Amino acid sequence: MIEQLQDWIEKYRAALLETRPDKLSERIQEASMAIKVRERELQTKTVNAADWQVLEDARNTLNVLRRNDR
């Protein structure tokens, strides 16, 4: 569980901090996939709304990055 938590955060940060335009799309995709894995994990557990909100906020931020990458 901690590994998936750390995995999505690390990939999300990598996307946010990517400065090479040719790598940004790849980083966004990796982060999005890691967030989906984390969401699937949370579906099997009792968690509070804040856990879901953090993931939603991250997804929204990645969507903004994706739109700006075009």
N, C-alpha and C. Protein backbone atom coordinates (compact mmCIF):
# COMPACT_ATOMS: atom_id res chain seq x y z
N MET A 1 0.82 -1.19 0.00
CA MET A 1 0.00 0.00 0.00
C MET A 1 0.87 1.25 0.00
N ILE A 2 1.86 1.28 0.85
CA ILE A 2 2.76 2.44 0.90
C ILE A 2 3.48 2.58 -0.44
N GLU A 3 3.83 1.45 -1.06
CA GLU A 3 4.53 1.53 -2.34
C GLU A 3 3.68 2.20 -3.41
N GLN A 4 2.36 1.86 -3.49
CA GLN A 4 1.50 2.51 -4.48
C GLN A 4 1.33 3.99 -4.15
N LEU A 5 1.25 4.32 -2.88
CA LEU A 5 1.13 5.71 -2.48
C LEU A 5 2.37 6.47 -2.94
N GLN A 6 3.53 5.94 -2.64
CA GLN A 6 4.77 6.60 -3.04
C GLN A 6 4.93 6.61 -4.55
N ASP A 7 4.51 5.55 -5.21
CA ASP A 7 4.65 5.45 -6.66
C ASP A 7 3.89 6.56 -7.36
N TRP A 8 2.63 6.75 -7.02
CA TRP A 8 1.85 7.76 -7.73
C TRP A 8 2.38 9.16 -7.42
N ILE A 9 2.80 9.38 -6.19
CA ILE A 9 3.33 10.70 -5.83
C ILE A 9 4.63 10.98 -6.58
N GLU A 10 5.51 10.00 -6.64
CA GLU A 10 6.77 10.19 -7.35
C GLU A 10 6.54 10.47 -8.84
N LYS A 11 5.63 9.73 -9.44
CA LYS A 11 5.34 9.92 -10.86
C LYS A 11 4.63 11.25 -11.11
N TYR A 12 3.77 11.64 -10.20
CA TYR A 12 3.08 12.92 -10.31
C TYR A 12 4.09 14.06 -10.22
N ARG A 13 4.97 13.98 -9.26
CA ARG A 13 6.01 15.01 -9.13
C ARG A 13 6.90 15.07 -10.36
N ALA A 14 7.24 13.90 -10.90
CA ALA A 14 8.07 13.86 -12.10
C ALA A 14 7.39 14.59 -13.26
N ALA A 15 6.08 14.42 -13.38
CA ALA A 15 5.34 15.11 -14.44
C ALA A 15 5.33 16.62 -14.19
N LEU A 16 5.11 17.01 -12.95
CA LEU A 16 5.06 18.44 -12.63
C LEU A 16 6.40 19.12 -12.86
N LEU A 17 7.47 18.40 -12.62
CA LEU A 17 8.80 19.00 -12.69
C LEU A 17 9.50 18.77 -14.03
N GLU A 18 8.86 18.05 -14.93
CA GLU A 18 9.50 17.76 -16.23
C GLU A 18 9.68 19.05 -17.02
N THR A 19 10.90 19.28 -17.47
CA THR A 19 11.21 20.49 -18.24
C THR A 19 11.44 20.22 -19.72
N ARG A 20 11.57 18.94 -20.08
CA ARG A 20 11.80 18.59 -21.48
C ARG A 20 10.46 18.34 -22.17
N PRO A 21 10.11 19.19 -23.11
CA PRO A 21 8.81 19.05 -23.79
C PRO A 21 8.61 17.68 -24.43
N ASP A 22 9.69 17.06 -24.90
CA ASP A 22 9.57 15.75 -25.55
C ASP A 22 9.29 14.62 -24.56
N LYS A 23 9.43 14.87 -23.27
CA LYS A 23 9.19 13.85 -22.24
C LYS A 23 7.93 14.10 -21.42
N LEU A 24 7.37 15.30 -21.53
CA LEU A 24 6.24 15.66 -20.68
C LEU A 24 5.03 14.75 -20.86
N SER A 25 4.67 14.46 -22.09
CA SER A 25 3.52 13.60 -22.35
C SER A 25 3.70 12.22 -21.71
N GLU A 26 4.89 11.69 -21.80
CA GLU A 26 5.19 10.38 -21.21
C GLU A 26 5.06 10.44 -19.69
N ARG A 27 5.57 11.49 -19.08
CA ARG A 27 5.48 11.64 -17.62
C ARG A 27 4.03 11.79 -17.16
N ILE A 28 3.25 12.54 -17.92
CA ILE A 28 1.83 12.70 -17.58
C ILE A 28 1.12 11.36 -17.65
N GLN A 29 1.40 10.59 -18.69
CA GLN A 29 0.77 9.27 -18.84
C GLN A 29 1.16 8.34 -17.69
N GLU A 30 2.42 8.33 -17.33
CA GLU A 30 2.88 7.48 -16.22
C GLU A 30 2.19 7.87 -14.92
N ALA A 31 2.08 9.16 -14.66
CA ALA A 31 1.44 9.63 -13.44
C ALA A 31 -0.05 9.28 -13.44
N SER A 32 -0.71 9.46 -14.57
CA SER A 32 -2.13 9.13 -14.67
C SER A 32 -2.38 7.66 -14.39
N MET A 33 -1.54 6.81 -14.93
CA MET A 33 -1.69 5.36 -14.71
C MET A 33 -1.46 5.01 -13.24
N ALA A 34 -0.48 5.63 -12.63
CA ALA A 34 -0.20 5.37 -11.21
C ALA A 34 -1.36 5.84 -10.33
N ILE A 35 -1.98 6.95 -10.69
CA ILE A 35 -3.14 7.43 -9.94
C ILE A 35 -4.29 6.44 -10.07
N LYS A 36 -4.50 5.89 -11.26
CA LYS A 36 -5.57 4.90 -11.45
C LYS A 36 -5.33 3.66 -10.59
N VAL A 37 -4.09 3.23 -10.50
CA VAL A 37 -3.75 2.08 -9.65
C VAL A 37 -4.09 2.39 -8.20
N ARG A 38 -3.73 3.58 -7.77
CA ARG A 38 -4.02 3.99 -6.39
C ARG A 38 -5.53 4.07 -6.15
N GLU A 39 -6.28 4.57 -7.11
CA GLU A 39 -7.74 4.64 -6.97
C GLU A 39 -8.34 3.24 -6.85
N ARG A 40 -7.86 2.32 -7.64
CA ARG A 40 -8.36 0.94 -7.54
C ARG A 40 -8.08 0.36 -6.16
N GLU A 41 -6.90 0.66 -5.64
CA GLU A 41 -6.55 0.18 -4.31
C GLU A 41 -7.48 0.77 -3.25
N LEU A 42 -7.77 2.05 -3.36
CA LEU A 42 -8.63 2.71 -2.37
C LEU A 42 -10.07 2.20 -2.43
N GLN A 43 -10.51 1.71 -3.57
CA GLN A 43 -11.87 1.20 -3.69
C GLN A 43 -12.12 0.00 -2.80
N THR A 44 -11.05 -0.69 -2.43
CA THR A 44 -11.20 -1.89 -1.59
C THR A 44 -11.03 -1.58 -0.11
N LYS A 45 -10.84 -0.31 0.22
CA LYS A 45 -10.58 0.06 1.60
C LYS A 45 -11.55 1.16 2.05
N THR A 46 -11.66 1.31 3.34
CA THR A 46 -12.43 2.42 3.90
C THR A 46 -11.47 3.59 4.06
N VAL A 47 -11.73 4.64 3.29
CA VAL A 47 -10.87 5.82 3.34
C VAL A 47 -11.74 7.07 3.47
N ASN A 48 -11.11 8.15 3.84
CA ASN A 48 -11.89 9.38 3.98
C ASN A 48 -11.89 10.16 2.67
N ALA A 49 -12.73 11.13 2.62
CA ALA A 49 -12.91 11.93 1.40
C ALA A 49 -11.64 12.67 1.01
N ALA A 50 -10.81 13.01 1.97
CA ALA A 50 -9.58 13.74 1.68
C ALA A 50 -8.64 12.92 0.79
N ASP A 51 -8.61 11.60 1.00
CA ASP A 51 -7.76 10.73 0.17
C ASP A 51 -8.21 10.80 -1.28
N TRP A 52 -9.50 10.76 -1.51
CA TRP A 52 -10.04 10.84 -2.87
C TRP A 52 -9.82 12.23 -3.46
N GLN A 53 -9.94 13.26 -2.64
CA GLN A 53 -9.79 14.64 -3.12
C GLN A 53 -8.37 14.90 -3.61
N VAL A 54 -7.39 14.36 -2.92
CA VAL A 54 -6.00 14.53 -3.33
C VAL A 54 -5.79 13.93 -4.71
N LEU A 55 -6.34 12.75 -4.95
CA LEU A 55 -6.20 12.11 -6.25
C LEU A 55 -6.94 12.89 -7.33
N GLU A 56 -8.12 13.38 -7.02
CA GLU A 56 -8.88 14.17 -7.99
C GLU A 56 -8.13 15.45 -8.35
N ASP A 57 -7.58 16.10 -7.35
CA ASP A 57 -6.80 17.32 -7.60
C ASP A 57 -5.59 17.03 -8.49
N ALA A 58 -4.92 15.93 -8.22
CA ALA A 58 -3.76 15.56 -9.03
C ALA A 58 -4.18 15.27 -10.47
N ARG A 59 -5.29 14.55 -10.66
CA ARG A 59 -5.79 14.28 -12.01
C ARG A 59 -6.11 15.57 -12.74
N ASN A 60 -6.75 16.50 -12.05
CA ASN A 60 -7.10 17.78 -12.67
C ASN A 60 -5.85 18.56 -13.07
N THR A 61 -4.85 18.54 -12.23
CA THR A 61 -3.60 19.23 -12.55
C THR A 61 -2.93 18.59 -13.76
N LEU A 62 -2.94 17.27 -13.83
CA LEU A 62 -2.36 16.59 -14.99
C LEU A 62 -3.13 16.94 -16.26
N ASN A 63 -4.44 17.08 -16.14
CA ASN A 63 -5.25 17.47 -17.32
C ASN A 63 -4.86 18.85 -17.81
N VAL A 64 -4.58 19.77 -16.89
CA VAL A 64 -4.14 21.11 -17.29
C VAL A 64 -2.78 21.01 -17.99
N LEU A 65 -1.88 20.24 -17.44
CA LEU A 65 -0.57 20.05 -18.07
C LEU A 65 -0.73 19.46 -19.47
N ARG A 66 -1.61 18.48 -19.58
CA ARG A 66 -1.85 17.81 -20.86
C ARG A 66 -2.36 18.81 -21.90
N ARG A 67 -3.31 19.64 -21.50
CA ARG A 67 -3.86 20.64 -22.44
C ARG A 67 -2.81 21.65 -22.85
N ASN A 68 -1.95 22.04 -21.93
CA ASN A 68 -0.91 23.02 -22.22
C ASN A 68 0.24 22.43 -23.02
N ASP A 69 0.33 21.11 -23.05
CA ASP A 69 1.40 20.42 -23.76
C ASP A 69 1.12 20.35 -25.27
N ARG A 70 -0.08 20.63 -25.68
CA ARG A 70 -0.46 20.50 -27.10
C ARG A 70 0.09 21.60 -27.94
